[in-house]
Amino acid sequence: CTSGSCPNMGECWGEGTATFMILGNICTRSCG
């Protein structure tokens, strides 16, 4: 939510929802 600067962060957090990324922050793929 914070690292991706999600536009809905305030709304989601207010509803008790958050997103967590696992397995690091470097991807083996290179999506455009």
Full PDB file with SEQRES, HELIX, SHEET, SSBOND, CRYST1, ORIGX, SCALE, CONECT and MASTER records, all heavy atoms in Angstrom:
SEQRES   1 A   32  CYS THR SER GLY SER CYS PRO ASN MET GLY GLU CYS TRP          
SEQRES   2 A   32  GLY GLU GLY THR ALA THR PHE MET ILE LEU GLY ASN ILE          
SEQRES   3 A   32  CYS THR ARG SER CYS GLY                                      
HELIX    1 AA1 MET A    9  GLY A   14  1                                   6    
CRYST1    1.000    1.000    1.000  90.00  90.00  90.00 P 1           1          
ORIGX1      1.000000  0.000000  0.000000        0.00000                         
ORIGX2      0.000000  1.000000  0.000000        0.00000                         
ORIGX3      0.000000  0.000000  1.000000        0.00000                         
SCALE1      1.000000  0.000000  0.000000        0.00000                         
SCALE2      0.000000  1.000000  0.000000        0.00000                         
SCALE3      0.000000  0.000000  1.000000        0.00000                         
ATOM      1  N   CYS A   1       0.840  -1.205   0.000  1.00  0.00           N  
ATOM      2  CA  CYS A   1       0.000   0.000   0.000  1.00  0.00           C  
ATOM      3  C   CYS A   1       0.871   1.250   0.000  1.00  0.00           C  
ATOM      4  O   CYS A   1       0.650   2.180  -0.785  1.00  0.00           O  
ATOM      5  CB  CYS A   1      -0.903   0.029   1.231  1.00  0.00           C  
ATOM      6  SG  CYS A   1      -1.713  -1.530   1.631  1.00  0.00           S  
ATOM      7  N   THR A   2       1.883   1.270   0.884  1.00  0.00           N  
ATOM      8  CA  THR A   2       2.743   2.438   0.996  1.00  0.00           C  
ATOM      9  C   THR A   2       3.827   2.441  -0.076  1.00  0.00           C  
ATOM     10  O   THR A   2       4.059   3.451  -0.734  1.00  0.00           O  
ATOM     11  CB  THR A   2       3.408   2.498   2.386  1.00  0.00           C  
ATOM     12  OG1 THR A   2       3.990   1.226   2.687  1.00  0.00           O  
ATOM     13  CG2 THR A   2       2.385   2.842   3.447  1.00  0.00           C  
ATOM     14  N   SER A   3       4.476   1.297  -0.290  1.00  0.00           N  
ATOM     15  CA  SER A   3       5.575   1.250  -1.263  1.00  0.00           C  
ATOM     16  C   SER A   3       5.066   1.460  -2.684  1.00  0.00           C  
ATOM     17  O   SER A   3       5.783   1.967  -3.544  1.00  0.00           O  
ATOM     18  CB  SER A   3       6.331  -0.082  -1.165  1.00  0.00           C  
ATOM     19  OG  SER A   3       5.485  -1.172  -1.414  1.00  0.00           O  
ATOM     20  N   GLY A   4       3.816   1.072  -2.940  1.00  0.00           N  
ATOM     21  CA  GLY A   4       3.235   1.253  -4.266  1.00  0.00           C  
ATOM     22  C   GLY A   4       2.422   2.517  -4.393  1.00  0.00           C  
ATOM     23  O   GLY A   4       1.839   2.783  -5.443  1.00  0.00           O  
ATOM     24  N   SER A   5       2.391   3.333  -3.337  1.00  0.00           N  
ATOM     25  CA  SER A   5       1.628   4.590  -3.327  1.00  0.00           C  
ATOM     26  C   SER A   5       0.213   4.385  -3.864  1.00  0.00           C  
ATOM     27  O   SER A   5      -0.245   5.100  -4.749  1.00  0.00           O  
ATOM     28  CB  SER A   5       2.358   5.655  -4.159  1.00  0.00           C  
ATOM     29  OG  SER A   5       3.645   5.883  -3.647  1.00  0.00           O  
ATOM     30  N   CYS A   6      -0.478   3.397  -3.332  1.00  0.00           N  
ATOM     31  CA  CYS A   6      -1.814   3.063  -3.822  1.00  0.00           C  
ATOM     32  C   CYS A   6      -2.791   4.215  -3.569  1.00  0.00           C  
ATOM     33  O   CYS A   6      -2.847   4.756  -2.465  1.00  0.00           O  
ATOM     34  CB  CYS A   6      -2.319   1.800  -3.131  1.00  0.00           C  
ATOM     35  SG  CYS A   6      -3.983   1.331  -3.682  1.00  0.00           S  
ATOM     36  N   PRO A   7      -3.585   4.587  -4.574  1.00  0.00           N  
ATOM     37  CA  PRO A   7      -4.522   5.704  -4.412  1.00  0.00           C  
ATOM     38  C   PRO A   7      -5.658   5.411  -3.442  1.00  0.00           C  
ATOM     39  O   PRO A   7      -6.334   6.326  -2.989  1.00  0.00           O  
ATOM     40  CB  PRO A   7      -5.065   5.915  -5.834  1.00  0.00           C  
ATOM     41  CG  PRO A   7      -4.895   4.593  -6.512  1.00  0.00           C  
ATOM     42  CD  PRO A   7      -3.624   4.025  -5.941  1.00  0.00           C  
ATOM     43  N   ASN A   8      -5.865   4.136  -3.134  1.00  0.00           N  
ATOM     44  CA  ASN A   8      -6.980   3.762  -2.264  1.00  0.00           C  
ATOM     45  C   ASN A   8      -6.531   3.426  -0.843  1.00  0.00           C  
ATOM     46  O   ASN A   8      -7.315   2.882  -0.059  1.00  0.00           O  
ATOM     47  CB  ASN A   8      -7.721   2.552  -2.862  1.00  0.00           C  
ATOM     48  CG  ASN A   8      -8.140   2.799  -4.296  1.00  0.00           C  
ATOM     49  OD1 ASN A   8      -8.765   3.798  -4.606  1.00  0.00           O  
ATOM     50  ND2 ASN A   8      -7.769   1.890  -5.189  1.00  0.00           N  
ATOM     51  N   MET A   9      -5.284   3.744  -0.517  1.00  0.00           N  
ATOM     52  CA  MET A   9      -4.711   3.345   0.766  1.00  0.00           C  
ATOM     53  C   MET A   9      -5.557   3.799   1.953  1.00  0.00           C  
ATOM     54  O   MET A   9      -5.866   3.017   2.848  1.00  0.00           O  
ATOM     55  CB  MET A   9      -3.289   3.896   0.897  1.00  0.00           C  
ATOM     56  CG  MET A   9      -2.569   3.541   2.178  1.00  0.00           C  
ATOM     57  SD  MET A   9      -0.791   3.843   2.063  1.00  0.00           S  
ATOM     58  CE  MET A   9      -0.731   5.547   1.482  1.00  0.00           C  
ATOM     59  N   GLY A  10      -5.952   5.065   1.962  1.00  0.00           N  
ATOM     60  CA  GLY A  10      -6.733   5.580   3.087  1.00  0.00           C  
ATOM     61  C   GLY A  10      -8.050   4.866   3.238  1.00  0.00           C  
ATOM     62  O   GLY A  10      -8.459   4.498   4.341  1.00  0.00           O  
ATOM     63  N   GLU A  11      -8.733   4.643   2.117  1.00  0.00           N  
ATOM     64  CA  GLU A  11     -10.036   3.976   2.148  1.00  0.00           C  
ATOM     65  C   GLU A  11      -9.908   2.534   2.627  1.00  0.00           C  
ATOM     66  O   GLU A  11     -10.667   2.085   3.487  1.00  0.00           O  
ATOM     67  CB  GLU A  11     -10.670   4.006   0.754  1.00  0.00           C  
ATOM     68  CG  GLU A  11     -12.054   3.388   0.697  1.00  0.00           C  
ATOM     69  CD  GLU A  11     -12.675   3.444  -0.690  1.00  0.00           C  
ATOM     70  OE1 GLU A  11     -12.071   4.056  -1.607  1.00  0.00           O  
ATOM     71  OE2 GLU A  11     -13.768   2.872  -0.860  1.00  0.00           O  
ATOM     72  N   CYS A  12      -8.931   1.810   2.070  1.00  0.00           N  
ATOM     73  CA  CYS A  12      -8.754   0.397   2.438  1.00  0.00           C  
ATOM     74  C   CYS A  12      -8.350   0.248   3.906  1.00  0.00           C  
ATOM     75  O   CYS A  12      -8.888  -0.597   4.627  1.00  0.00           O  
ATOM     76  CB  CYS A  12      -7.718  -0.266   1.538  1.00  0.00           C  
ATOM     77  SG  CYS A  12      -8.262  -0.504  -0.162  1.00  0.00           S  
ATOM     78  N   TRP A  13      -7.391   1.064   4.345  1.00  0.00           N  
ATOM     79  CA  TRP A  13      -6.956   0.992   5.738  1.00  0.00           C  
ATOM     80  C   TRP A  13      -8.103   1.324   6.679  1.00  0.00           C  
ATOM     81  O   TRP A  13      -8.225   0.736   7.747  1.00  0.00           O  
ATOM     82  CB  TRP A  13      -5.777   1.924   5.969  1.00  0.00           C  
ATOM     83  CG  TRP A  13      -4.482   1.384   5.441  1.00  0.00           C  
ATOM     84  CD1 TRP A  13      -4.316   0.291   4.641  1.00  0.00           C  
ATOM     85  CD2 TRP A  13      -3.177   1.910   5.673  1.00  0.00           C  
ATOM     86  NE1 TRP A  13      -2.992   0.100   4.348  1.00  0.00           N  
ATOM     87  CE2 TRP A  13      -2.266   1.077   4.969  1.00  0.00           C  
ATOM     88  CE3 TRP A  13      -2.681   2.993   6.382  1.00  0.00           C  
ATOM     89  CZ2 TRP A  13      -0.897   1.301   4.968  1.00  0.00           C  
ATOM     90  CZ3 TRP A  13      -1.310   3.227   6.397  1.00  0.00           C  
ATOM     91  CH2 TRP A  13      -0.428   2.386   5.693  1.00  0.00           C  
ATOM     92  N   GLY A  14      -8.936   2.253   6.262  1.00  0.00           N  
ATOM     93  CA  GLY A  14     -10.086   2.610   7.086  1.00  0.00           C  
ATOM     94  C   GLY A  14     -11.057   1.453   7.238  1.00  0.00           C  
ATOM     95  O   GLY A  14     -11.800   1.360   8.216  1.00  0.00           O  
ATOM     96  N   GLU A  15     -11.042   0.540   6.252  1.00  0.00           N  
ATOM     97  CA  GLU A  15     -11.915  -0.642   6.284  1.00  0.00           C  
ATOM     98  C   GLU A  15     -11.200  -1.867   6.852  1.00  0.00           C  
ATOM     99  O   GLU A  15     -11.745  -2.970   6.852  1.00  0.00           O  
ATOM    100  CB  GLU A  15     -12.431  -0.933   4.870  1.00  0.00           C  
ATOM    101  CG  GLU A  15     -13.362   0.156   4.338  1.00  0.00           C  
ATOM    102  CD  GLU A  15     -13.674  -0.008   2.872  1.00  0.00           C  
ATOM    103  OE1 GLU A  15     -12.937  -0.754   2.171  1.00  0.00           O  
ATOM    104  OE2 GLU A  15     -14.652   0.596   2.399  1.00  0.00           O  
ATOM    105  N   GLY A  16      -9.958  -1.669   7.334  1.00  0.00           N  
ATOM    106  CA  GLY A  16      -9.225  -2.772   7.947  1.00  0.00           C  
ATOM    107  C   GLY A  16      -8.586  -3.722   6.968  1.00  0.00           C  
ATOM    108  O   GLY A  16      -8.356  -4.897   7.270  1.00  0.00           O  
ATOM    109  N   THR A  17      -8.259  -3.225   5.752  1.00  0.00           N  
ATOM    110  CA  THR A  17      -7.630  -4.051   4.717  1.00  0.00           C  
ATOM    111  C   THR A  17      -6.251  -3.502   4.373  1.00  0.00           C  
ATOM    112  O   THR A  17      -6.080  -2.283   4.283  1.00  0.00           O  
ATOM    113  CB  THR A  17      -8.493  -4.073   3.439  1.00  0.00           C  
ATOM    114  OG1 THR A  17      -9.781  -4.595   3.746  1.00  0.00           O  
ATOM    115  CG2 THR A  17      -7.857  -4.943   2.361  1.00  0.00           C  
ATOM    116  N   ALA A  18      -5.280  -4.385   4.190  1.00  0.00           N  
ATOM    117  CA  ALA A  18      -3.954  -3.957   3.750  1.00  0.00           C  
ATOM    118  C   ALA A  18      -3.309  -5.073   2.939  1.00  0.00           C  
ATOM    119  O   ALA A  18      -3.682  -6.245   3.059  1.00  0.00           O  
ATOM    120  CB  ALA A  18      -3.068  -3.596   4.945  1.00  0.00           C  
ATOM    121  N   THR A  19      -2.338  -4.699   2.086  1.00  0.00           N  
ATOM    122  CA  THR A  19      -1.670  -5.661   1.211  1.00  0.00           C  
ATOM    123  C   THR A  19      -0.189  -5.749   1.563  1.00  0.00           C  
ATOM    124  O   THR A  19       0.476  -4.724   1.731  1.00  0.00           O  
ATOM    125  CB  THR A  19      -1.823  -5.242  -0.265  1.00  0.00           C  
ATOM    126  OG1 THR A  19      -3.216  -5.165  -0.581  1.00  0.00           O  
ATOM    127  CG2 THR A  19      -1.169  -6.264  -1.189  1.00  0.00           C  
ATOM    128  N   PHE A  20       0.315  -6.980   1.651  1.00  0.00           N  
ATOM    129  CA  PHE A  20       1.708  -7.234   2.021  1.00  0.00           C  
ATOM    130  C   PHE A  20       2.401  -8.030   0.911  1.00  0.00           C  
ATOM    131  O   PHE A  20       1.847  -9.008   0.415  1.00  0.00           O  
ATOM    132  CB  PHE A  20       1.777  -8.020   3.331  1.00  0.00           C  
ATOM    133  CG  PHE A  20       1.145  -7.300   4.490  1.00  0.00           C  
ATOM    134  CD1 PHE A  20      -0.226  -7.353   4.690  1.00  0.00           C  
ATOM    135  CD2 PHE A  20       1.910  -6.548   5.365  1.00  0.00           C  
ATOM    136  CE1 PHE A  20      -0.827  -6.678   5.742  1.00  0.00           C  
ATOM    137  CE2 PHE A  20       1.326  -5.862   6.419  1.00  0.00           C  
ATOM    138  CZ  PHE A  20      -0.042  -5.926   6.615  1.00  0.00           C  
ATOM    139  N   MET A  21       3.611  -7.596   0.558  1.00  0.00           N  
ATOM    140  CA  MET A  21       4.366  -8.294  -0.486  1.00  0.00           C  
ATOM    141  C   MET A  21       5.452  -9.153   0.149  1.00  0.00           C  
ATOM    142  O   MET A  21       6.200  -8.677   1.008  1.00  0.00           O  
ATOM    143  CB  MET A  21       4.995  -7.311  -1.465  1.00  0.00           C  
ATOM    144  CG  MET A  21       5.625  -8.010  -2.672  1.00  0.00           C  
ATOM    145  SD  MET A  21       5.958  -6.905  -4.063  1.00  0.00           S  
ATOM    146  CE  MET A  21       7.398  -6.022  -3.454  1.00  0.00           C  
ATOM    147  N   ILE A  22       5.522 -10.401  -0.271  1.00  0.00           N  
ATOM    148  CA  ILE A  22       6.504 -11.335   0.268  1.00  0.00           C  
ATOM    149  C   ILE A  22       7.528 -11.712  -0.801  1.00  0.00           C  
ATOM    150  O   ILE A  22       7.387 -11.361  -1.965  1.00  0.00           O  
ATOM    151  CB  ILE A  22       5.829 -12.604   0.831  1.00  0.00           C  
ATOM    152  CG1 ILE A  22       5.055 -13.361  -0.271  1.00  0.00           C  
ATOM    153  CG2 ILE A  22       4.885 -12.246   1.970  1.00  0.00           C  
ATOM    154  CD1 ILE A  22       4.450 -14.689   0.178  1.00  0.00           C  
ATOM    155  N   LEU A  23       8.578 -12.413  -0.369  1.00  0.00           N  
ATOM    156  CA  LEU A  23       9.621 -12.939  -1.248  1.00  0.00           C  
ATOM    157  C   LEU A  23      10.481 -11.848  -1.880  1.00  0.00           C  
ATOM    158  O   LEU A  23      10.988 -11.994  -2.990  1.00  0.00           O  
ATOM    159  CB  LEU A  23       9.014 -13.837  -2.338  1.00  0.00           C  
ATOM    160  CG  LEU A  23       8.506 -15.189  -1.818  1.00  0.00           C  
ATOM    161  CD1 LEU A  23       7.552 -15.840  -2.798  1.00  0.00           C  
ATOM    162  CD2 LEU A  23       9.690 -16.111  -1.529  1.00  0.00           C  
ATOM    163  N   GLY A  24      10.645 -10.743  -1.153  1.00  0.00           N  
ATOM    164  CA  GLY A  24      11.548  -9.692  -1.599  1.00  0.00           C  
ATOM    165  C   GLY A  24      10.895  -8.657  -2.494  1.00  0.00           C  
ATOM    166  O   GLY A  24       9.691  -8.684  -2.737  1.00  0.00           O  
ATOM    167  N   ASN A  25      11.726  -7.744  -3.014  1.00  0.00           N  
ATOM    168  CA  ASN A  25      11.209  -6.674  -3.870  1.00  0.00           C  
ATOM    169  C   ASN A  25      11.923  -6.609  -5.216  1.00  0.00           C  
ATOM    170  O   ASN A  25      11.923  -5.592  -5.887  1.00  0.00           O  
ATOM    171  CB  ASN A  25      11.331  -5.315  -3.159  1.00  0.00           C  
ATOM    172  CG  ASN A  25      12.764  -4.993  -2.755  1.00  0.00           C  
ATOM    173  OD1 ASN A  25      13.685  -5.738  -3.099  1.00  0.00           O  
ATOM    174  ND2 ASN A  25      12.949  -3.895  -2.054  1.00  0.00           N  
ATOM    175  N   ILE A  26      12.551  -7.734  -5.603  1.00  0.00           N  
ATOM    176  CA  ILE A  26      13.181  -7.823  -6.923  1.00  0.00           C  
ATOM    177  C   ILE A  26      12.554  -8.994  -7.671  1.00  0.00           C  
ATOM    178  O   ILE A  26      12.539 -10.124  -7.189  1.00  0.00           O  
ATOM    179  CB  ILE A  26      14.704  -8.032  -6.816  1.00  0.00           C  
ATOM    180  CG1 ILE A  26      15.341  -6.859  -6.072  1.00  0.00           C  
ATOM    181  CG2 ILE A  26      15.322  -8.167  -8.208  1.00  0.00           C  
ATOM    182  CD1 ILE A  26      16.826  -7.021  -5.827  1.00  0.00           C  
ATOM    183  N   CYS A  27      12.034  -8.731  -8.857  1.00  0.00           N  
ATOM    184  CA  CYS A  27      11.292  -9.729  -9.631  1.00  0.00           C  
ATOM    185  C   CYS A  27      12.166 -10.330 -10.725  1.00  0.00           C  
ATOM    186  O   CYS A  27      13.025  -9.654 -11.297  1.00  0.00           O  
ATOM    187  CB  CYS A  27      10.056  -9.064 -10.246  1.00  0.00           C  
ATOM    188  SG  CYS A  27       8.901 -10.221 -11.008  1.00  0.00           S  
ATOM    189  N   THR A  28      11.919 -11.601 -11.036  1.00  0.00           N  
ATOM    190  CA  THR A  28      12.678 -12.257 -12.103  1.00  0.00           C  
ATOM    191  C   THR A  28      12.086 -11.964 -13.479  1.00  0.00           C  
ATOM    192  O   THR A  28      12.653 -12.356 -14.494  1.00  0.00           O  
ATOM    193  CB  THR A  28      12.714 -13.785 -11.889  1.00  0.00           C  
ATOM    194  OG1 THR A  28      11.377 -14.271 -11.726  1.00  0.00           O  
ATOM    195  CG2 THR A  28      13.537 -14.147 -10.673  1.00  0.00           C  
ATOM    196  N   ARG A  29      10.944 -11.302 -13.506  1.00  0.00           N  
ATOM    197  CA  ARG A  29      10.320 -10.943 -14.789  1.00  0.00           C  
ATOM    198  C   ARG A  29      10.404  -9.433 -15.002  1.00  0.00           C  
ATOM    199  O   ARG A  29      10.647  -8.675 -14.075  1.00  0.00           O  
ATOM    200  CB  ARG A  29       8.879 -11.443 -14.840  1.00  0.00           C  
ATOM    201  CG  ARG A  29       8.804 -12.957 -14.687  1.00  0.00           C  
ATOM    202  CD  ARG A  29       7.431 -13.514 -14.967  1.00  0.00           C  
ATOM    203  NE  ARG A  29       7.395 -14.943 -14.678  1.00  0.00           N  
ATOM    204  CZ  ARG A  29       6.320 -15.725 -14.861  1.00  0.00           C  
ATOM    205  NH1 ARG A  29       5.202 -15.190 -15.324  1.00  0.00           N  
ATOM    206  NH2 ARG A  29       6.377 -17.006 -14.578  1.00  0.00           N  
ATOM    207  N   SER A  30      10.190  -9.019 -16.245  1.00  0.00           N  
ATOM    208  CA  SER A  30      10.352  -7.603 -16.591  1.00  0.00           C  
ATOM    209  C   SER A  30       9.126  -7.092 -17.340  1.00  0.00           C  
ATOM    210  O   SER A  30       9.208  -6.723 -18.510  1.00  0.00           O  
ATOM    211  CB  SER A  30      11.610  -7.418 -17.436  1.00  0.00           C  
ATOM    212  OG  SER A  30      11.609  -8.324 -18.540  1.00  0.00           O  
ATOM    213  N   CYS A  31       7.986  -7.102 -16.673  1.00  0.00           N  
ATOM    214  CA  CYS A  31       6.749  -6.655 -17.293  1.00  0.00           C  
ATOM    215  C   CYS A  31       6.818  -5.165 -17.619  1.00  0.00           C  
ATOM    216  O   CYS A  31       7.373  -4.373 -16.850  1.00  0.00           O  
ATOM    217  CB  CYS A  31       5.568  -6.935 -16.366  1.00  0.00           C  
ATOM    218  SG  CYS A  31       5.310  -8.698 -16.047  1.00  0.00           S  
ATOM    219  N   GLY A  32       6.233  -4.787 -18.738  1.00  0.00           N  
ATOM    220  CA  GLY A  32       6.332  -3.423 -19.223  1.00  0.00           C  
ATOM    221  C   GLY A  32       5.521  -2.407 -18.455  1.00  0.00           C  
ATOM    222  O   GLY A  32       5.684  -1.203 -18.659  1.00  0.00           O  
TER     223      GLY A  32                                                      
MASTER        0    0    0    1    0    0    0    6  222    1    0    3          
END                                                                             
